[in-house]
Amino acid sequence: MASGSERADAAPTPRRLVERFYSEIWNRGDEAAAREILHPAFRFRGSLGTEAADVEGFLAYVRSVRSALADYACTIEDLIEGENRVAARMRFAGTHRGMLFGVDGTGRQVAWAGAAFFTIADGRIAELWVLGDLDALKRQLQEHA
């Protein structure tokens, strides 16, 4: 479905791809959406330091994060869009229920900031590099362990 600013036959804007990336893939765990909007040669470096060289490797990472953090949610706090690049200031949060950085689930809410840098190619997300405030996350995990 196209938004008011997109024609039905036009490729989605970089902004819309990034919004879908977080709302559908991360916040809902929709793997079909991932296969639709991620380029087949997708490369990824996540806020927790994990790297993936393809869509399936990325989806394994999504599953592991969503398993360790119940109610995992990514919130776009600011977004800057270029022709084939997008930068987003992010907030990541969830309930710590599984092993994360060597700490068993605590049942406590954790949150950390991040910055995400996307490259778009052929109407899909081709590359993503995310930097997360891991020190803040690890402090929260240790405080509650």
Protein backbone atom coordinates (compact mmCIF):
# COMPACT_ATOMS: atom_id res chain seq x y z
CA MET A 1 0.00 0.00 0.00
CA ALA A 2 1.43 3.38 -0.96
CA SER A 3 1.32 6.42 1.27
CA GLY A 4 -0.06 9.69 0.00
CA SER A 5 3.38 10.80 -1.20
CA GLU A 6 4.21 7.53 -3.00
CA ARG A 7 2.67 6.22 -6.18
CA ALA A 8 1.56 2.58 -6.02
CA ASP A 9 4.11 1.62 -8.73
CA ALA A 10 6.99 3.69 -7.32
CA ALA A 11 9.77 2.28 -5.16
CA PRO A 12 9.35 3.16 -1.49
CA THR A 13 11.32 6.15 -0.27
CA PRO A 14 14.46 5.48 1.81
CA ARG A 15 12.59 6.93 4.83
CA ARG A 16 9.70 4.51 4.36
CA LEU A 17 12.08 1.54 4.03
CA VAL A 18 13.74 2.45 7.34
CA GLU A 19 10.39 2.98 9.08
CA ARG A 20 9.25 -0.45 7.86
CA PHE A 21 12.59 -1.98 8.87
CA TYR A 22 12.02 -1.03 12.49
CA SER A 23 8.23 -1.33 12.78
CA GLU A 24 7.80 -4.58 10.88
CA ILE A 25 11.07 -6.49 11.23
CA TRP A 26 12.33 -5.48 14.67
CA ASN A 27 9.18 -4.52 16.53
CA ARG A 28 6.97 -7.29 15.12
CA GLY A 29 9.52 -9.92 14.08
CA ASP A 30 8.12 -10.13 10.54
CA GLU A 31 10.64 -12.20 8.58
CA ALA A 32 8.63 -12.00 5.35
CA ALA A 33 8.94 -8.20 5.49
CA ALA A 34 12.70 -8.59 5.95
CA ARG A 35 12.97 -10.70 2.81
CA GLU A 36 10.91 -8.10 0.94
CA ILE A 37 12.74 -4.91 1.91
CA LEU A 38 16.31 -6.14 2.42
CA HIS A 39 18.59 -6.47 -0.59
CA PRO A 40 19.67 -10.09 -1.25
CA ALA A 41 23.30 -9.01 -0.64
CA PHE A 42 22.36 -7.21 2.62
CA ARG A 43 25.29 -6.51 4.97
CA PHE A 44 24.72 -5.69 8.62
CA ARG A 45 26.58 -4.65 11.76
CA GLY A 46 24.26 -4.41 14.76
CA SER A 47 24.21 -2.26 17.88
CA LEU A 48 25.29 -5.26 19.97
CA GLY A 49 28.37 -5.79 17.76
CA THR A 50 27.11 -8.73 15.69
CA GLU A 51 27.81 -8.75 11.94
CA ALA A 52 25.93 -10.58 9.19
CA ALA A 53 26.74 -10.89 5.50
CA ASP A 54 23.27 -11.87 4.29
CA VAL A 55 19.56 -11.70 5.10
CA GLU A 56 19.43 -15.10 6.82
CA GLY A 57 22.35 -14.24 9.12
CA PHE A 58 20.63 -10.98 10.00
CA LEU A 59 17.36 -12.80 10.77
CA ALA A 60 19.21 -15.15 13.14
CA TYR A 61 20.44 -12.05 14.97
CA VAL A 62 16.90 -10.60 15.11
CA ARG A 63 15.63 -13.86 16.62
CA SER A 64 18.40 -13.93 19.24
CA VAL A 65 17.80 -10.32 20.34
CA ARG A 66 14.03 -10.74 20.46
CA SER A 67 14.54 -13.95 22.48
CA ALA A 68 16.79 -12.25 25.05
CA LEU A 69 14.64 -9.09 25.24
CA ALA A 70 10.88 -9.55 25.51
CA ASP A 71 8.75 -6.71 24.15
CA TYR A 72 11.80 -5.52 22.24
CA ALA A 73 11.09 -2.16 20.61
CA CYS A 74 13.10 0.15 18.41
CA THR A 75 12.03 3.79 18.42
CA ILE A 76 13.19 6.23 15.76
CA GLU A 77 13.89 9.48 17.59
CA ASP A 78 15.29 11.41 14.63
CA LEU A 79 15.79 10.56 10.97
CA ILE A 80 17.73 12.23 8.16
CA GLU A 81 17.10 11.06 4.61
CA GLY A 82 19.25 11.46 1.52
CA GLU A 83 18.83 10.05 -1.98
CA ASN A 84 20.18 6.60 -1.08
CA ARG A 85 21.26 7.07 2.54
CA VAL A 86 19.39 7.37 5.83
CA ALA A 87 20.71 8.12 9.31
CA ALA A 88 18.58 7.55 12.39
CA ARG A 89 19.00 8.33 16.07
CA MET A 90 17.49 5.37 17.87
CA ARG A 91 16.28 4.08 21.22
CA PHE A 92 16.29 0.33 21.81
CA ALA A 93 14.42 -1.21 24.77
CA GLY A 94 13.06 -4.48 26.07
CA THR A 95 12.56 -6.70 29.10
CA HIS A 96 15.69 -8.74 29.84
CA ARG A 97 14.46 -12.34 29.88
CA GLY A 98 17.35 -14.34 28.37
CA MET A 99 21.13 -14.51 28.31
CA LEU A 100 22.67 -11.23 27.14
CA PHE A 101 26.36 -10.36 27.50
CA GLY A 102 26.78 -13.29 29.88
CA VAL A 103 23.96 -12.19 32.19
CA ASP A 104 20.92 -14.43 32.71
CA GLY A 105 17.51 -12.82 32.35
CA THR A 106 16.64 -10.43 35.16
CA GLY A 107 13.07 -9.57 34.21
CA ARG A 108 14.01 -5.89 34.28
CA GLN A 109 13.48 -3.27 31.59
CA VAL A 110 16.64 -2.12 29.79
CA ALA A 111 17.14 0.61 27.20
CA TRP A 112 20.04 2.11 25.28
CA ALA A 113 20.67 4.70 22.59
CA GLY A 114 22.02 4.07 19.13
CA ALA A 115 22.72 5.53 15.72
CA ALA A 116 21.90 3.67 12.51
CA PHE A 117 23.31 4.34 9.05
CA PHE A 118 21.50 2.80 6.07
CA THR A 119 22.47 2.48 2.41
CA ILE A 120 19.69 1.90 -0.11
CA ALA A 121 20.19 0.17 -3.48
CA ASP A 122 17.66 -1.04 -6.03
CA GLY A 123 14.75 0.08 -3.83
CA ARG A 124 15.90 -2.06 -0.87
CA ILE A 125 18.09 -1.70 2.19
CA ALA A 126 21.52 -2.93 1.10
CA GLU A 127 23.68 -2.11 4.10
CA LEU A 128 23.21 -1.12 7.72
CA TRP A 129 25.76 -0.14 10.34
CA VAL A 130 24.48 0.51 13.88
CA LEU A 131 26.41 1.88 16.82
CA GLY A 132 24.85 1.27 20.23
CA ASP A 133 25.68 2.56 23.71
CA LEU A 134 26.77 -0.86 24.97
CA ASP A 135 28.32 0.56 28.14
CA ALA A 136 24.91 1.86 29.23
CA LEU A 137 23.27 -1.48 28.40
CA LYS A 138 25.92 -3.52 30.25
CA ARG A 139 25.66 -1.26 33.31
CA GLN A 140 21.91 -1.89 33.43
CA LEU A 141 22.39 -5.65 33.10
CA GLN A 142 24.98 -5.72 35.91
CA GLU A 143 22.86 -3.50 38.19
CA HIS A 144 20.00 -5.97 37.94
CA ALA A 145 21.92 -9.25 37.93
